[in-house]
Amino acid sequence: MIKAVVDTKLIELRTSALRVAFPGQLHVCKDVDDDKFLETAVLASADFLVTKNTKHFPAKRYQSVRIVTVSKFLDLVEKQYPE
């Protein structure tokens, strides 16, 4: 059941994704290569930035974007869509 929900959500994401050009003005991550991902998430008004690498980001949340690991994100999805 969870796999079917995730598959459906991935299809929705692919068909409704918003492309965002970022100006490269955000400089808050420990690894400067990660700033572009956080800036894109902020500009897109994303709820989450999902990464295997949370240690380079400034906190668990930056502005309105929650920064979570893949496993944490999947846990949140599972709680939202229980079997």
C-alpha atoms as a PDB file:
ATOM      1  CA  MET A   1       0.000   0.000   0.000  1.00  0.00           C
ATOM      2  CA  ILE A   2       2.741   2.478   0.938  1.00  0.00           C
ATOM      3  CA  LYS A   3       4.649   1.748  -2.281  1.00  0.00           C
ATOM      4  CA  ALA A   4       1.526   2.470  -4.329  1.00  0.00           C
ATOM      5  CA  VAL A   5       1.007   5.775  -2.509  1.00  0.00           C
ATOM      6  CA  VAL A   6       4.646   6.762  -2.976  1.00  0.00           C
ATOM      7  CA  ASP A   7       4.511   5.810  -6.667  1.00  0.00           C
ATOM      8  CA  THR A   8       1.383   7.920  -7.107  1.00  0.00           C
ATOM      9  CA  LYS A   9       2.969  10.880  -5.325  1.00  0.00           C
ATOM     10  CA  LEU A  10       6.108  10.613  -7.464  1.00  0.00           C
ATOM     11  CA  ILE A  11       3.993  10.750 -10.606  1.00  0.00           C
ATOM     12  CA  GLU A  12       2.202  13.810  -9.234  1.00  0.00           C
ATOM     13  CA  LEU A  13       5.540  15.453  -8.469  1.00  0.00           C
ATOM     14  CA  ARG A  14       6.872  14.798 -11.943  1.00  0.00           C
ATOM     15  CA  THR A  15       3.789  16.238 -13.617  1.00  0.00           C
ATOM     16  CA  SER A  16       3.349  19.282 -11.384  1.00  0.00           C
ATOM     17  CA  ALA A  17       6.941  20.200 -10.532  1.00  0.00           C
ATOM     18  CA  LEU A  18       7.800  23.875 -10.545  1.00  0.00           C
ATOM     19  CA  ARG A  19      11.085  24.862 -12.177  1.00  0.00           C
ATOM     20  CA  VAL A  20      12.833  27.589 -10.249  1.00  0.00           C
ATOM     21  CA  ALA A  21      15.827  29.666 -11.309  1.00  0.00           C
ATOM     22  CA  PHE A  22      17.882  30.667  -8.307  1.00  0.00           C
ATOM     23  CA  PRO A  23      20.077  33.770  -8.180  1.00  0.00           C
ATOM     24  CA  GLY A  24      22.794  32.219  -6.015  1.00  0.00           C
ATOM     25  CA  GLN A  25      22.481  34.712  -3.177  1.00  0.00           C
ATOM     26  CA  LEU A  26      22.027  32.345  -0.233  1.00  0.00           C
ATOM     27  CA  HIS A  27      25.232  31.509   1.670  1.00  0.00           C
ATOM     28  CA  VAL A  28      24.298  29.688   4.885  1.00  0.00           C
ATOM     29  CA  CYS A  29      25.383  26.059   4.427  1.00  0.00           C
ATOM     30  CA  LYS A  30      28.647  24.628   5.735  1.00  0.00           C
ATOM     31  CA  ASP A  31      29.269  23.208   2.260  1.00  0.00           C
ATOM     32  CA  VAL A  32      28.822  26.013  -0.280  1.00  0.00           C
ATOM     33  CA  ASP A  33      27.726  23.477  -2.897  1.00  0.00           C
ATOM     34  CA  ASP A  34      24.585  22.838  -0.807  1.00  0.00           C
ATOM     35  CA  ASP A  35      23.454  26.490  -0.790  1.00  0.00           C
ATOM     36  CA  LYS A  36      21.875  26.086  -4.241  1.00  0.00           C
ATOM     37  CA  PHE A  37      19.627  23.268  -3.026  1.00  0.00           C
ATOM     38  CA  LEU A  38      18.416  25.197   0.000  1.00  0.00           C
ATOM     39  CA  GLU A  39      17.951  28.396  -1.985  1.00  0.00           C
ATOM     40  CA  THR A  40      15.933  26.532  -4.607  1.00  0.00           C
ATOM     41  CA  ALA A  41      13.729  25.000  -1.894  1.00  0.00           C
ATOM     42  CA  VAL A  42      13.153  28.425  -0.306  1.00  0.00           C
ATOM     43  CA  LEU A  43      12.348  30.124  -3.627  1.00  0.00           C
ATOM     44  CA  ALA A  44       9.976  27.310  -4.579  1.00  0.00           C
ATOM     45  CA  SER A  45       8.207  27.547  -1.209  1.00  0.00           C
ATOM     46  CA  ALA A  46       8.960  23.872  -0.658  1.00  0.00           C
ATOM     47  CA  ASP A  47       7.782  22.231   2.537  1.00  0.00           C
ATOM     48  CA  PHE A  48      10.797  19.925   2.652  1.00  0.00           C
ATOM     49  CA  LEU A  49      14.358  19.606   1.461  1.00  0.00           C
ATOM     50  CA  VAL A  50      15.132  15.889   1.531  1.00  0.00           C
ATOM     51  CA  THR A  51      18.805  14.952   1.767  1.00  0.00           C
ATOM     52  CA  LYS A  52      21.148  12.223   2.972  1.00  0.00           C
ATOM     53  CA  ASN A  53      23.406  15.010   4.192  1.00  0.00           C
ATOM     54  CA  THR A  54      21.712  17.147   6.853  1.00  0.00           C
ATOM     55  CA  LYS A  55      24.983  18.037   8.595  1.00  0.00           C
ATOM     56  CA  HIS A  56      25.931  20.695   6.021  1.00  0.00           C
ATOM     57  CA  PHE A  57      22.658  22.585   6.370  1.00  0.00           C
ATOM     58  CA  PRO A  58      22.180  25.299   8.994  1.00  0.00           C
ATOM     59  CA  ALA A  59      19.394  23.666  11.020  1.00  0.00           C
ATOM     60  CA  LYS A  60      16.436  21.310  10.852  1.00  0.00           C
ATOM     61  CA  ARG A  61      14.479  24.180   9.375  1.00  0.00           C
ATOM     62  CA  TYR A  62      15.454  27.204   7.321  1.00  0.00           C
ATOM     63  CA  GLN A  63      12.683  29.764   6.987  1.00  0.00           C
ATOM     64  CA  SER A  64       9.660  27.620   6.073  1.00  0.00           C
ATOM     65  CA  VAL A  65      11.651  24.668   4.676  1.00  0.00           C
ATOM     66  CA  ARG A  66      12.100  21.577   6.857  1.00  0.00           C
ATOM     67  CA  ILE A  67      15.436  19.865   6.203  1.00  0.00           C
ATOM     68  CA  VAL A  68      15.069  16.113   6.695  1.00  0.00           C
ATOM     69  CA  THR A  69      16.766  12.845   5.864  1.00  0.00           C
ATOM     70  CA  VAL A  70      15.259  10.436   3.380  1.00  0.00           C
ATOM     71  CA  SER A  71      14.221   8.066   6.179  1.00  0.00           C
ATOM     72  CA  LYS A  72      12.583  10.886   8.165  1.00  0.00           C
ATOM     73  CA  PHE A  73      10.685  12.023   5.084  1.00  0.00           C
ATOM     74  CA  LEU A  74       9.460   8.495   4.389  1.00  0.00           C
ATOM     75  CA  ASP A  75       8.359   8.181   8.028  1.00  0.00           C
ATOM     76  CA  LEU A  76       6.361  11.407   7.663  1.00  0.00           C
ATOM     77  CA  VAL A  77       4.769  10.159   4.441  1.00  0.00           C
ATOM     78  CA  GLU A  78       3.889   6.846   6.071  1.00  0.00           C
ATOM     79  CA  LYS A  79       2.252   8.648   9.010  1.00  0.00           C
ATOM     80  CA  GLN A  80       0.259  10.818   6.616  1.00  0.00           C
ATOM     81  CA  TYR A  81      -0.864   7.803   4.558  1.00  0.00           C
ATOM     82  CA  PRO A  82      -1.200   4.863   6.954  1.00  0.00           C
ATOM     83  CA  GLU A  83      -2.256   1.529   5.555  1.00  0.00           C
END
